Amino acid sequence: MSTSQEVKISMKRQRLSARIEKFHSNGQAFFKGLEIYGAFTPQDDPEFYDGYWEVPGEEVEELAFELMSIWMPSSIGNDKLTELGLVDLLKEERELRIGQANDCLDQLRTDLGNKAMLY
């Protein structure tokens, strides 16, 4: 990997880091002091990446930002949200995820239709 590529990757990681931190700090305001930072778990198997995201010679102090989960209400579970009176957030997240899945399926149908016309 060339130096310019490493610099670009480093800049993208810094931007991603800043965006994740901003997202989490904005979200924290809605949760009445609930500590959400301990709720992060990787969604994918780290073995799958086989060290791809690690920079040789760099110590890894925490989970790489590329592998970090974005905190969502479902991360803390229905029981805790009910206790805090925030069940509506879980319902909203579910609706957003369903909408996102429908958008992906629609795009897949469109792409398959385009491929079918080409061949």
PDB file of N, CA and C in Angstrom:
ATOM      1  N   MET A   1       0.852  -1.166   0.000  1.00  0.00           N
ATOM      2  CA  MET A   1       0.000   0.000   0.000  1.00  0.00           C
ATOM      3  C   MET A   1       0.903   1.236   0.000  1.00  0.00           C
ATOM      4  N   SER A   2       0.581   2.185  -0.846  1.00  0.00           N
ATOM      5  CA  SER A   2       1.410   3.378  -0.948  1.00  0.00           C
ATOM      6  C   SER A   2       1.125   4.330   0.215  1.00  0.00           C
ATOM      7  N   THR A   3       1.991   5.283   0.381  1.00  0.00           N
ATOM      8  CA  THR A   3       1.843   6.258   1.463  1.00  0.00           C
ATOM      9  C   THR A   3       0.582   7.087   1.286  1.00  0.00           C
ATOM     10  N   SER A   4       0.296   7.478   0.051  1.00  0.00           N
ATOM     11  CA  SER A   4      -0.902   8.296  -0.185  1.00  0.00           C
ATOM     12  C   SER A   4      -2.172   7.500   0.124  1.00  0.00           C
ATOM     13  N   GLN A   5      -2.172   6.205  -0.163  1.00  0.00           N
ATOM     14  CA  GLN A   5      -3.319   5.377   0.169  1.00  0.00           C
ATOM     15  C   GLN A   5      -3.479   5.253   1.681  1.00  0.00           C
ATOM     16  N   GLU A   6      -2.356   5.103   2.378  1.00  0.00           N
ATOM     17  CA  GLU A   6      -2.413   5.016   3.839  1.00  0.00           C
ATOM     18  C   GLU A   6      -2.942   6.309   4.446  1.00  0.00           C
ATOM     19  N   VAL A   7      -2.542   7.434   3.887  1.00  0.00           N
ATOM     20  CA  VAL A   7      -3.010   8.737   4.375  1.00  0.00           C
ATOM     21  C   VAL A   7      -4.514   8.866   4.143  1.00  0.00           C
ATOM     22  N   LYS A   8      -4.985   8.462   2.962  1.00  0.00           N
ATOM     23  CA  LYS A   8      -6.416   8.532   2.671  1.00  0.00           C
ATOM     24  C   LYS A   8      -7.216   7.646   3.617  1.00  0.00           C
ATOM     25  N   ILE A   9      -6.719   6.446   3.875  1.00  0.00           N
ATOM     26  CA  ILE A   9      -7.405   5.546   4.800  1.00  0.00           C
ATOM     27  C   ILE A   9      -7.429   6.136   6.199  1.00  0.00           C
ATOM     28  N   SER A  10      -6.320   6.707   6.614  1.00  0.00           N
ATOM     29  CA  SER A  10      -6.246   7.317   7.940  1.00  0.00           C
ATOM     30  C   SER A  10      -7.237   8.475   8.061  1.00  0.00           C
ATOM     31  N   MET A  11      -7.329   9.289   7.024  1.00  0.00           N
ATOM     32  CA  MET A  11      -8.275  10.410   7.048  1.00  0.00           C
ATOM     33  C   MET A  11      -9.719   9.913   7.100  1.00  0.00           C
ATOM     34  N   LYS A  12     -10.012   8.872   6.353  1.00  0.00           N
ATOM     35  CA  LYS A  12     -11.367   8.309   6.370  1.00  0.00           C
ATOM     36  C   LYS A  12     -11.695   7.715   7.729  1.00  0.00           C
ATOM     37  N   ARG A  13     -10.710   7.071   8.356  1.00  0.00           N
ATOM     38  CA  ARG A  13     -10.933   6.530   9.707  1.00  0.00           C
ATOM     39  C   ARG A  13     -11.207   7.642  10.707  1.00  0.00           C
ATOM     40  N   GLN A  14     -10.480   8.745  10.589  1.00  0.00           N
ATOM     41  CA  GLN A  14     -10.699   9.872  11.499  1.00  0.00           C
ATOM     42  C   GLN A  14     -12.086  10.468  11.299  1.00  0.00           C
ATOM     43  N   ARG A  15     -12.509  10.602  10.045  1.00  0.00           N
ATOM     44  CA  ARG A  15     -13.859  11.128   9.777  1.00  0.00           C
ATOM     45  C   ARG A  15     -14.921  10.176  10.314  1.00  0.00           C
ATOM     46  N   LEU A  16     -14.720   8.881  10.090  1.00  0.00           N
ATOM     47  CA  LEU A  16     -15.659   7.882  10.598  1.00  0.00           C
ATOM     48  C   LEU A  16     -15.713   7.926  12.122  1.00  0.00           C
ATOM     49  N   SER A  17     -14.560   8.021  12.744  1.00  0.00           N
ATOM     50  CA  SER A  17     -14.489   8.112  14.199  1.00  0.00           C
ATOM     51  C   SER A  17     -15.264   9.322  14.710  1.00  0.00           C
ATOM     52  N   ALA A  18     -15.062  10.464  14.073  1.00  0.00           N
ATOM     53  CA  ALA A  18     -15.747  11.691  14.492  1.00  0.00           C
ATOM     54  C   ALA A  18     -17.259  11.552  14.317  1.00  0.00           C
ATOM     55  N   ARG A  19     -17.682  10.946  13.207  1.00  0.00           N
ATOM     56  CA  ARG A  19     -19.117  10.784  12.967  1.00  0.00           C
ATOM     57  C   ARG A  19     -19.751   9.836  13.982  1.00  0.00           C
ATOM     58  N   ILE A  20     -19.053   8.749  14.314  1.00  0.00           N
ATOM     59  CA  ILE A  20     -19.580   7.798  15.304  1.00  0.00           C
ATOM     60  C   ILE A  20     -19.669   8.471  16.674  1.00  0.00           C
ATOM     61  N   GLU A  21     -18.620   9.182  17.058  1.00  0.00           N
ATOM     62  CA  GLU A  21     -18.629   9.863  18.356  1.00  0.00           C
ATOM     63  C   GLU A  21     -19.739  10.907  18.426  1.00  0.00           C
ATOM     64  N   LYS A  22     -19.938  11.660  17.338  1.00  0.00           N
ATOM     65  CA  LYS A  22     -21.005  12.670  17.311  1.00  0.00           C
ATOM     66  C   LYS A  22     -22.369  12.001  17.417  1.00  0.00           C
ATOM     67  N   PHE A  23     -22.550  10.902  16.694  1.00  0.00           N
ATOM     68  CA  PHE A  23     -23.814  10.171  16.745  1.00  0.00           C
ATOM     69  C   PHE A  23     -24.094   9.699  18.165  1.00  0.00           C
ATOM     70  N   HIS A  24     -23.079   9.123  18.807  1.00  0.00           N
ATOM     71  CA  HIS A  24     -23.265   8.609  20.168  1.00  0.00           C
ATOM     72  C   HIS A  24     -23.506   9.735  21.170  1.00  0.00           C
ATOM     73  N   SER A  25     -22.792  10.845  21.029  1.00  0.00           N
ATOM     74  CA  SER A  25     -22.999  11.947  21.977  1.00  0.00           C
ATOM     75  C   SER A  25     -24.369  12.580  21.785  1.00  0.00           C
ATOM     76  N   ASN A  26     -24.842  12.700  20.536  1.00  0.00           N
ATOM     77  CA  ASN A  26     -26.189  13.221  20.300  1.00  0.00           C
ATOM     78  C   ASN A  26     -27.240  12.270  20.859  1.00  0.00           C
ATOM     79  N   GLY A  27     -27.028  10.985  20.693  1.00  0.00           N
ATOM     80  CA  GLY A  27     -27.970   9.994  21.205  1.00  0.00           C
ATOM     81  C   GLY A  27     -28.019   9.962  22.716  1.00  0.00           C
ATOM     82  N   GLN A  28     -26.877  10.217  23.353  1.00  0.00           N
ATOM     83  CA  GLN A  28     -26.807  10.179  24.817  1.00  0.00           C
ATOM     84  C   GLN A  28     -27.763  11.201  25.443  1.00  0.00           C
ATOM     85  N   ALA A  29     -27.985  12.322  24.771  1.00  0.00           N
ATOM     86  CA  ALA A  29     -28.874  13.355  25.299  1.00  0.00           C
ATOM     87  C   ALA A  29     -30.306  12.849  25.457  1.00  0.00           C
ATOM     88  N   PHE A  30     -30.699  11.861  24.672  1.00  0.00           N
ATOM     89  CA  PHE A  30     -32.058  11.350  24.724  1.00  0.00           C
ATOM     90  C   PHE A  30     -32.262  10.280  25.789  1.00  0.00           C
ATOM     91  N   PHE A  31     -31.189   9.803  26.397  1.00  0.00           N
ATOM     92  CA  PHE A  31     -31.327   8.640  27.260  1.00  0.00           C
ATOM     93  C   PHE A  31     -31.120   8.921  28.732  1.00  0.00           C
ATOM     94  N   LYS A  32     -31.344  10.138  29.138  1.00  0.00           N
ATOM     95  CA  LYS A  32     -31.433  10.489  30.561  1.00  0.00           C
ATOM     96  C   LYS A  32     -30.309   9.892  31.398  1.00  0.00           C
ATOM     97  N   GLY A  33     -29.091  10.020  30.934  1.00  0.00           N
ATOM     98  CA  GLY A  33     -27.949   9.543  31.697  1.00  0.00           C
ATOM     99  C   GLY A  33     -27.662   8.062  31.570  1.00  0.00           C
ATOM    100  N   LEU A  34     -28.402   7.354  30.745  1.00  0.00           N
ATOM    101  CA  LEU A  34     -28.144   5.937  30.532  1.00  0.00           C
ATOM    102  C   LEU A  34     -26.799   5.780  29.855  1.00  0.00           C
ATOM    103  N   GLU A  35     -25.943   4.970  30.419  1.00  0.00           N
ATOM    104  CA  GLU A  35     -24.610   4.742  29.850  1.00  0.00           C
ATOM    105  C   GLU A  35     -24.729   3.768  28.692  1.00  0.00           C
ATOM    106  N   ILE A  36     -24.573   4.272  27.460  1.00  0.00           N
ATOM    107  CA  ILE A  36     -24.730   3.418  26.287  1.00  0.00           C
ATOM    108  C   ILE A  36     -23.403   2.915  25.763  1.00  0.00           C
ATOM    109  N   TYR A  37     -22.297   3.440  26.246  1.00  0.00           N
ATOM    110  CA  TYR A  37     -21.011   3.093  25.663  1.00  0.00           C
ATOM    111  C   TYR A  37     -20.587   1.654  25.938  1.00  0.00           C
ATOM    112  N   GLY A  38     -21.160   1.002  26.919  1.00  0.00           N
ATOM    113  CA  GLY A  38     -20.807  -0.382  27.188  1.00  0.00           C
ATOM    114  C   GLY A  38     -21.624  -1.374  26.367  1.00  0.00           C
ATOM    115  N   ALA A  39     -22.519  -0.870  25.536  1.00  0.00           N
ATOM    116  CA  ALA A  39     -23.446  -1.737  24.816  1.00  0.00           C
ATOM    117  C   ALA A  39     -22.943  -2.165  23.446  1.00  0.00           C
ATOM    118  N   PHE A  40     -21.742  -1.785  23.071  1.00  0.00           N
ATOM    119  CA  PHE A  40     -21.272  -2.069  21.720  1.00  0.00           C
ATOM    120  C   PHE A  40     -20.693  -3.469  21.609  1.00  0.00           C
ATOM    121  N   THR A  41     -21.141  -4.175  20.615  1.00  0.00           N
ATOM    122  CA  THR A  41     -20.586  -5.481  20.299  1.00  0.00           C
ATOM    123  C   THR A  41     -20.468  -5.575  18.791  1.00  0.00           C
ATOM    124  N   PRO A  42     -19.438  -6.225  18.289  1.00  0.00           N
ATOM    125  CA  PRO A  42     -19.329  -6.347  16.840  1.00  0.00           C
ATOM    126  C   PRO A  42     -20.454  -7.211  16.279  1.00  0.00           C
ATOM    127  N   GLN A  43     -21.013  -6.798  15.152  1.00  0.00           N
ATOM    128  CA  GLN A  43     -22.099  -7.541  14.527  1.00  0.00           C
ATOM    129  C   GLN A  43     -21.576  -8.722  13.722  1.00  0.00           C
ATOM    130  N   ASP A  44     -20.359  -8.595  13.232  1.00  0.00           N
ATOM    131  CA  ASP A  44     -19.786  -9.637  12.385  1.00  0.00           C
ATOM    132  C   ASP A  44     -18.699 -10.375  13.141  1.00  0.00           C
ATOM    133  N   ASP A  45     -18.378 -11.544  12.667  1.00  0.00           N
ATOM    134  CA  ASP A  45     -17.319 -12.341  13.250  1.00  0.00           C
ATOM    135  C   ASP A  45     -15.971 -11.707  12.912  1.00  0.00           C
ATOM    136  N   PRO A  46     -15.197 -11.265  13.913  1.00  0.00           N
ATOM    137  CA  PRO A  46     -13.906 -10.630  13.631  1.00  0.00           C
ATOM    138  C   PRO A  46     -12.946 -11.542  12.865  1.00  0.00           C
ATOM    139  N   GLU A  47     -13.101 -12.858  12.978  1.00  0.00           N
ATOM    140  CA  GLU A  47     -12.243 -13.784  12.243  1.00  0.00           C
ATOM    141  C   GLU A  47     -12.432 -13.633  10.739  1.00  0.00           C
ATOM    142  N   PHE A  48     -13.605 -13.177  10.334  1.00  0.00           N
ATOM    143  CA  PHE A  48     -13.892 -12.993   8.922  1.00  0.00           C
ATOM    144  C   PHE A  48     -12.945 -11.982   8.289  1.00  0.00           C
ATOM    145  N   TYR A  49     -12.580 -10.970   9.049  1.00  0.00           N
ATOM    146  CA  TYR A  49     -11.742  -9.900   8.514  1.00  0.00           C
ATOM    147  C   TYR A  49     -10.274 -10.285   8.424  1.00  0.00           C
ATOM    148  N   ASP A  50      -9.870 -11.277   9.195  1.00  0.00           N
ATOM    149  CA  ASP A  50      -8.519 -11.827   9.103  1.00  0.00           C
ATOM    150  C   ASP A  50      -7.444 -10.745   9.176  1.00  0.00           C
ATOM    151  N   GLY A  51      -7.643  -9.768  10.064  1.00  0.00           N
ATOM    152  CA  GLY A  51      -6.633  -8.727  10.248  1.00  0.00           C
ATOM    153  C   GLY A  51      -6.595  -7.689   9.155  1.00  0.00           C
ATOM    154  N   TYR A  52      -7.571  -7.670   8.256  1.00  0.00           N
ATOM    155  CA  TYR A  52      -7.555  -6.738   7.131  1.00  0.00           C
ATOM    156  C   TYR A  52      -7.525  -5.289   7.586  1.00  0.00           C
ATOM    157  N   TRP A  53      -8.254  -4.981   8.660  1.00  0.00           N
ATOM    158  CA  TRP A  53      -8.375  -3.593   9.108  1.00  0.00           C
ATOM    159  C   TRP A  53      -7.245  -3.168  10.030  1.00  0.00           C
ATOM    160  N   GLU A  54      -6.415  -4.081  10.418  1.00  0.00           N
ATOM    161  CA  GLU A  54      -5.341  -3.743  11.340  1.00  0.00           C
ATOM    162  C   GLU A  54      -4.121  -3.256  10.570  1.00  0.00           C
ATOM    163  N   VAL A  55      -3.482  -2.231  11.105  1.00  0.00           N
ATOM    164  CA  VAL A  55      -2.274  -1.696  10.496  1.00  0.00           C
ATOM    165  C   VAL A  55      -1.090  -2.371  11.174  1.00  0.00           C
ATOM    166  N   PRO A  56      -0.170  -2.962  10.402  1.00  0.00           N
ATOM    167  CA  PRO A  56       0.979  -3.627  11.014  1.00  0.00           C
ATOM    168  C   PRO A  56       1.777  -2.665  11.891  1.00  0.00           C
ATOM    169  N   GLY A  57       2.162  -3.132  13.072  1.00  0.00           N
ATOM    170  CA  GLY A  57       2.949  -2.318  13.982  1.00  0.00           C
ATOM    171  C   GLY A  57       2.118  -1.367  14.827  1.00  0.00           C
ATOM    172  N   GLU A  58       0.829  -1.297  14.583  1.00  0.00           N
ATOM    173  CA  GLU A  58      -0.034  -0.401  15.346  1.00  0.00           C
ATOM    174  C   GLU A  58      -0.737  -1.200  16.431  1.00  0.00           C
ATOM    175  N   GLU A  59      -0.674  -0.702  17.660  1.00  0.00           N
ATOM    176  CA  GLU A  59      -1.354  -1.392  18.745  1.00  0.00           C
ATOM    177  C   GLU A  59      -2.844  -1.117  18.652  1.00  0.00           C
ATOM    178  N   VAL A  60      -3.632  -2.154  18.819  1.00  0.00           N
ATOM    179  CA  VAL A  60      -5.074  -2.011  18.767  1.00  0.00           C
ATOM    180  C   VAL A  60      -5.577  -1.913  20.203  1.00  0.00           C
ATOM    181  N   GLU A  61      -6.003  -0.693  20.589  1.00  0.00           N
ATOM    182  CA  GLU A  61      -6.457  -0.471  21.957  1.00  0.00           C
ATOM    183  C   GLU A  61      -7.931  -0.798  22.109  1.00  0.00           C
ATOM    184  N   GLU A  62      -8.697  -0.578  21.054  1.00  0.00           N
ATOM    185  CA  GLU A  62     -10.118  -0.849  21.107  1.00  0.00           C
ATOM    186  C   GLU A  62     -10.558  -1.366  19.748  1.00  0.00           C
ATOM    187  N   LEU A  63     -11.820  -1.713  19.651  1.00  0.00           N
ATOM    188  CA  LEU A  63     -12.364  -2.236  18.416  1.00  0.00           C
ATOM    189  C   LEU A  63     -12.224  -1.203  17.305  1.00  0.00           C
ATOM    190  N   ALA A  64     -11.766  -1.627  16.144  1.00  0.00           N
ATOM    191  CA  ALA A  64     -11.613  -0.719  15.010  1.00  0.00           C
ATOM    192  C   ALA A  64     -12.963  -0.105  14.664  1.00  0.00           C
ATOM    193  N   PHE A  65     -12.956   1.152  14.250  1.00  0.00           N
ATOM    194  CA  PHE A  65     -14.208   1.835  13.951  1.00  0.00           C
ATOM    195  C   PHE A  65     -14.956   1.166  12.800  1.00  0.00           C
ATOM    196  N   GLU A  66     -14.217   0.511  11.912  1.00  0.00           N
ATOM    197  CA  GLU A  66     -14.864  -0.188  10.808  1.00  0.00           C
ATOM    198  C   GLU A  66     -15.698  -1.366  11.293  1.00  0.00           C
ATOM    199  N   LEU A  67     -15.379  -1.898  12.458  1.00  0.00           N
ATOM    200  CA  LEU A  67     -16.068  -3.060  12.995  1.00  0.00           C
ATOM    201  C   LEU A  67     -17.047  -2.709  14.108  1.00  0.00           C
ATOM    202  N   MET A  68     -17.024  -1.482  14.578  1.00  0.00           N
ATOM    203  CA  MET A  68     -17.852  -1.078  15.702  1.00  0.00           C
ATOM    204  C   MET A  68     -19.322  -0.969  15.303  1.00  0.00           C
ATOM    205  N   SER A  69     -20.190  -1.457  16.151  1.00  0.00           N
ATOM    206  CA  SER A  69     -21.623  -1.322  15.927  1.00  0.00           C
ATOM    207  C   SER A  69     -22.057   0.082  16.313  1.00  0.00           C
ATOM    208  N   ILE A  70     -23.014   0.591  15.585  1.00  0.00           N
ATOM    209  CA  ILE A  70     -23.623   1.863  15.946  1.00  0.00           C
ATOM    210  C   ILE A  70     -24.698   1.553  16.978  1.00  0.00           C
ATOM    211  N   TRP A  71     -24.729   2.333  18.036  1.00  0.00           N
ATOM    212  CA  TRP A  71     -25.688   2.068  19.092  1.00  0.00           C
ATOM    213  C   TRP A  71     -27.094   2.360  18.593  1.00  0.00           C
ATOM    214  N   MET A  72     -27.985   1.416  18.844  1.00  0.00           N
ATOM    215  CA  MET A  72     -29.401   1.560  18.523  1.00  0.00           C
ATOM    216  C   MET A  72     -30.196   1.142  19.759  1.00  0.00           C
ATOM    217  N   PRO A  73     -31.453   1.573  19.865  1.00  0.00           N
ATOM    218  CA  PRO A  73     -32.253   1.215  21.039  1.00  0.00           C
ATOM    219  C   PRO A  73     -32.322  -0.278  21.301  1.00  0.00           C
ATOM    220  N   SER A  74     -32.311  -1.084  20.263  1.00  0.00           N
ATOM    221  CA  SER A  74     -32.388  -2.537  20.465  1.00  0.00           C
ATOM    222  C   SER A  74     -31.134  -3.083  21.134  1.00  0.00           C
ATOM    223  N   SER A  75     -30.073  -2.290  21.208  1.00  0.00           N
ATOM    224  CA  SER A  75     -28.829  -2.741  21.827  1.00  0.00           C
ATOM    225  C   SER A  75     -28.973  -2.996  23.319  1.00  0.00           C
ATOM    226  N   ILE A  76     -29.899  -2.296  23.960  1.00  0.00           N
ATOM    227  CA  ILE A  76     -30.031  -2.479  25.405  1.00  0.00           C
ATOM    228  C   ILE A  76     -31.222  -3.338  25.786  1.00  0.00           C
ATOM    229  N   GLY A  77     -32.054  -3.693  24.823  1.00  0.00           N
ATOM    230  CA  GLY A  77     -33.130  -4.641  25.082  1.00  0.00           C
ATOM    231  C   GLY A  77     -34.445  -4.014  25.475  1.00  0.00           C
ATOM    232  N   ASN A  78     -35.486  -4.786  25.269  1.00  0.00           N
ATOM    233  CA  ASN A  78     -36.846  -4.346  25.521  1.00  0.00           C
ATOM    234  C   ASN A  78     -37.108  -4.076  27.003  1.00  0.00           C
ATOM    235  N   ASP A  79     -36.568  -4.927  27.887  1.00  0.00           N
ATOM    236  CA  ASP A  79     -36.820  -4.771  29.325  1.00  0.00           C
ATOM    237  C   ASP A  79     -36.299  -3.429  29.839  1.00  0.00           C
ATOM    238  N   LYS A  80     -35.060  -3.090  29.473  1.00  0.00           N
ATOM    239  CA  LYS A  80     -34.460  -1.829  29.939  1.00  0.00           C
ATOM    240  C   LYS A  80     -35.193  -0.629  29.345  1.00  0.00           C
ATOM    241  N   LEU A  81     -35.588  -0.724  28.061  1.00  0.00           N
ATOM    242  CA  LEU A  81     -36.328   0.377  27.434  1.00  0.00           C
ATOM    243  C   LEU A  81     -37.694   0.565  28.094  1.00  0.00           C
ATOM    244  N   THR A  82     -38.338  -0.542  28.459  1.00  0.00           N
ATOM    245  CA  THR A  82     -39.620  -0.450  29.156  1.00  0.00           C
ATOM    246  C   THR A  82     -39.427   0.216  30.517  1.00  0.00           C
ATOM    247  N   GLU A  83     -38.381  -0.172  31.214  1.00  0.00           N
ATOM    248  CA  GLU A  83     -38.068   0.405  32.525  1.00  0.00           C
ATOM    249  C   GLU A  83     -37.849   1.913  32.423  1.00  0.00           C
ATOM    250  N   LEU A  84     -37.222   2.347  31.335  1.00  0.00           N
ATOM    251  CA  LEU A  84     -36.939   3.771  31.136  1.00  0.00           C
ATOM    252  C   LEU A  84     -38.073   4.516  30.444  1.00  0.00           C
ATOM    253  N   GLY A  85     -39.113   3.790  30.022  1.00  0.00           N
ATOM    254  CA  GLY A  85     -40.233   4.420  29.329  1.00  0.00           C
ATOM    255  C   GLY A  85     -39.896   4.828  27.903  1.00  0.00           C
ATOM    256  N   LEU A  86     -39.009   4.077  27.253  1.00  0.00           N
ATOM    257  CA  LEU A  86     -38.552   4.427  25.901  1.00  0.00           C
ATOM    258  C   LEU A  86     -38.891   3.343  24.870  1.00  0.00           C
ATOM    259  N   VAL A  87     -39.995   2.632  25.087  1.00  0.00           N
ATOM    260  CA  VAL A  87     -40.373   1.552  24.180  1.00  0.00           C
ATOM    261  C   VAL A  87     -40.676   2.090  22.779  1.00  0.00           C
ATOM    262  N   ASP A  88     -41.143   3.325  22.695  1.00  0.00           N
ATOM    263  CA  ASP A  88     -41.453   3.907  21.385  1.00  0.00           C
ATOM    264  C   ASP A  88     -40.217   3.975  20.489  1.00  0.00           C
ATOM    265  N   LEU A  89     -39.039   4.138  21.089  1.00  0.00           N
ATOM    266  CA  LEU A  89     -37.812   4.155  20.292  1.00  0.00           C
ATOM    267  C   LEU A  89     -37.562   2.810  19.620  1.00  0.00           C
ATOM    268  N   LEU A  90     -37.867   1.743  20.315  1.00  0.00           N
ATOM    269  CA  LEU A  90     -37.694   0.402  19.749  1.00  0.00           C
ATOM    270  C   LEU A  90     -38.644   0.192  18.573  1.00  0.00           C
ATOM    271  N   LYS A  91     -39.873   0.663  18.718  1.00  0.00           N
ATOM    272  CA  LYS A  91     -40.843   0.557  17.629  1.00  0.00           C
ATOM    273  C   LYS A  91     -40.388   1.388  16.425  1.00  0.00           C
ATOM    274  N   GLU A  92     -39.875   2.568  16.694  1.00  0.00           N
ATOM    275  CA  GLU A  92     -39.387   3.433  15.617  1.00  0.00           C
ATOM    276  C   GLU A  92     -38.199   2.789  14.896  1.00  0.00           C
ATOM    277  N   GLU A  93     -37.292   2.204  15.654  1.00  0.00           N
ATOM    278  CA  GLU A  93     -36.148   1.518  15.043  1.00  0.00           C
ATOM    279  C   GLU A  93     -36.621   0.368  14.154  1.00  0.00           C
ATOM    280  N   ARG A  94     -37.580  -0.395  14.642  1.00  0.00           N
ATOM    281  CA  ARG A  94     -38.108  -1.514  13.857  1.00  0.00           C
ATOM    282  C   ARG A  94     -38.695  -1.016  12.538  1.00  0.00           C
ATOM    283  N   GLU A  95     -39.468   0.067  12.590  1.00  0.00           N
ATOM    284  CA  GLU A  95     -40.048   0.626  11.371  1.00  0.00           C
ATOM    285  C   GLU A  95     -38.962   1.107  10.413  1.00  0.00           C
ATOM    286  N   LEU A  96     -37.924   1.731  10.942  1.00  0.00           N
ATOM    287  CA  LEU A  96     -36.825   2.198  10.094  1.00  0.00           C
ATOM    288  C   LEU A  96     -36.090   1.034   9.448  1.00  0.00           C
ATOM    289  N   ARG A  97     -35.872  -0.029  10.205  1.00  0.00           N
ATOM    290  CA  ARG A  97     -35.187  -1.204   9.650  1.00  0.00           C
ATOM    291  C   ARG A  97     -36.037  -1.885   8.575  1.00  0.00           C
ATOM    292  N   ILE A  98     -37.350  -1.956   8.798  1.00  0.00           N
ATOM    293  CA  ILE A  98     -38.245  -2.531   7.792  1.00  0.00           C
ATOM    294  C   ILE A  98     -38.222  -1.687   6.525  1.00  0.00           C
ATOM    295  N   GLY A  99     -38.247  -0.374   6.695  1.00  0.00           N
ATOM    296  CA  GLY A  99     -38.177   0.523   5.544  1.00  0.00           C
ATOM    297  C   GLY A  99     -36.870   0.372   4.785  1.00  0.00           C
ATOM    298  N   GLN A 100     -35.780   0.250   5.513  1.00  0.00           N
ATOM    299  CA  GLN A 100     -34.479   0.065   4.875  1.00  0.00           C
ATOM    300  C   GLN A 100     -34.432  -1.265   4.115  1.00  0.00           C
ATOM    301  N   ALA A 101     -34.987  -2.312   4.701  1.00  0.00           N
ATOM    302  CA  ALA A 101     -35.021  -3.612   4.023  1.00  0.00           C
ATOM    303  C   ALA A 101     -35.880  -3.535   2.765  1.00  0.00           C
ATOM    304  N   ASN A 102     -37.021  -2.842   2.840  1.00  0.00           N
ATOM    305  CA  ASN A 102     -37.879  -2.694   1.663  1.00  0.00           C
ATOM    306  C   ASN A 102     -37.175  -1.914   0.559  1.00  0.00           C
ATOM    307  N   ASP A 103     -36.433  -0.871   0.939  1.00  0.00           N
ATOM    308  CA  ASP A 103     -35.666  -0.110  -0.051  1.00  0.00           C
ATOM    309  C   ASP A 103     -34.632  -0.992  -0.739  1.00  0.00           C
ATOM    310  N   CYS A 104     -33.949  -1.818   0.042  1.00  0.00           N
ATOM    311  CA  CYS A 104     -32.945  -2.729  -0.529  1.00  0.00           C
ATOM    312  C   CYS A 104     -33.593  -3.742  -1.467  1.00  0.00           C
ATOM    313  N   LEU A 105     -34.737  -4.292  -1.062  1.00  0.00           N
ATOM    314  CA  LEU A 105     -35.436  -5.254  -1.917  1.00  0.00           C
ATOM    315  C   LEU A 105     -35.918  -4.596  -3.207  1.00  0.00           C
ATOM    316  N   ASP A 106     -36.404  -3.369  -3.106  1.00  0.00           N
ATOM    317  CA  ASP A 106     -36.845  -2.646  -4.291  1.00  0.00           C
ATOM    318  C   ASP A 106     -35.686  -2.409  -5.251  1.00  0.00           C
ATOM    319  N   GLN A 107     -34.542  -2.014  -4.704  1.00  0.00           N
ATOM    320  CA  GLN A 107     -33.364  -1.803  -5.540  1.00  0.00           C
ATOM    321  C   GLN A 107     -32.899  -3.100  -6.178  1.00  0.00           C
ATOM    322  N   LEU A 108     -32.974  -4.198  -5.432  1.00  0.00           N
ATOM    323  CA  LEU A 108     -32.606  -5.505  -5.965  1.00  0.00           C
ATOM    324  C   LEU A 108     -33.528  -5.899  -7.121  1.00  0.00           C
ATOM    325  N   ARG A 109     -34.844  -5.684  -6.948  1.00  0.00           N
ATOM    326  CA  ARG A 109     -35.793  -5.974  -8.024  1.00  0.00           C
ATOM    327  C   ARG A 109     -35.484  -5.145  -9.268  1.00  0.00           C
ATOM    328  N   THR A 110     -35.194  -3.869  -9.059  1.00  0.00           N
ATOM    329  CA  THR A 110     -34.873  -2.987 -10.187  1.00  0.00           C
ATOM    330  C   THR A 110     -33.618  -3.458 -10.905  1.00  0.00           C
ATOM    331  N   ASP A 111     -32.578  -3.780 -10.136  1.00  0.00           N
ATOM    332  CA  ASP A 111     -31.323  -4.237 -10.737  1.00  0.00           C
ATOM    333  C   ASP A 111     -31.505  -5.562 -11.476  1.00  0.00           C
ATOM    334  N   LEU A 112     -32.275  -6.487 -10.897  1.00  0.00           N
ATOM    335  CA  LEU A 112     -32.528  -7.764 -11.561  1.00  0.00           C
ATOM    336  C   LEU A 112     -33.320  -7.567 -12.849  1.00  0.00           C
ATOM    337  N   GLY A 113     -34.281  -6.635 -12.815  1.00  0.00           N
ATOM    338  CA  GLY A 113     -35.059  -6.333 -14.024  1.00  0.00           C
ATOM    339  C   GLY A 113     -34.164  -5.760 -15.115  1.00  0.00           C
ATOM    340  N   ASN A 114     -33.249  -4.873 -14.735  1.00  0.00           N
ATOM    341  CA  ASN A 114     -32.313  -4.292 -15.705  1.00  0.00           C
ATOM    342  C   ASN A 114     -31.416  -5.367 -16.301  1.00  0.00           C
ATOM    343  N   LYS A 115     -30.918  -6.266 -15.446  1.00  0.00           N
ATOM    344  CA  LYS A 115     -30.058  -7.364 -15.936  1.00  0.00           C
ATOM    345  C   LYS A 115     -30.835  -8.265 -16.896  1.00  0.00           C
ATOM    346  N   ALA A 116     -32.102  -8.547 -16.555  1.00  0.00           N
ATOM    347  CA  ALA A 116     -32.915  -9.415 -17.394  1.00  0.00           C
ATOM    348  C   ALA A 116     -33.114  -8.800 -18.786  1.00  0.00           C
ATOM    349  N   MET A 117     -33.255  -7.490 -18.844  1.00  0.00           N
ATOM    350  CA  MET A 117     -33.430  -6.833 -20.129  1.00  0.00           C
ATOM    351  C   MET A 117     -32.137  -6.833 -20.940  1.00  0.00           C
ATOM    352  N   LEU A 118     -30.985  -6.794 -20.264  1.00  0.00           N
ATOM    353  CA  LEU A 118     -29.709  -6.780 -20.966  1.00  0.00           C
ATOM    354  C   LEU A 118     -29.358  -8.127 -21.564  1.00  0.00           C
ATOM    355  N   TYR A 119     -29.790  -9.204 -20.906  1.00  0.00           N
ATOM    356  CA  TYR A 119     -29.402 -10.533 -21.371  1.00  0.00           C
ATOM    357  C   TYR A 119     -30.584 -11.205 -21.905  1.00  0.00           C
TER     358      TYR A 119
END
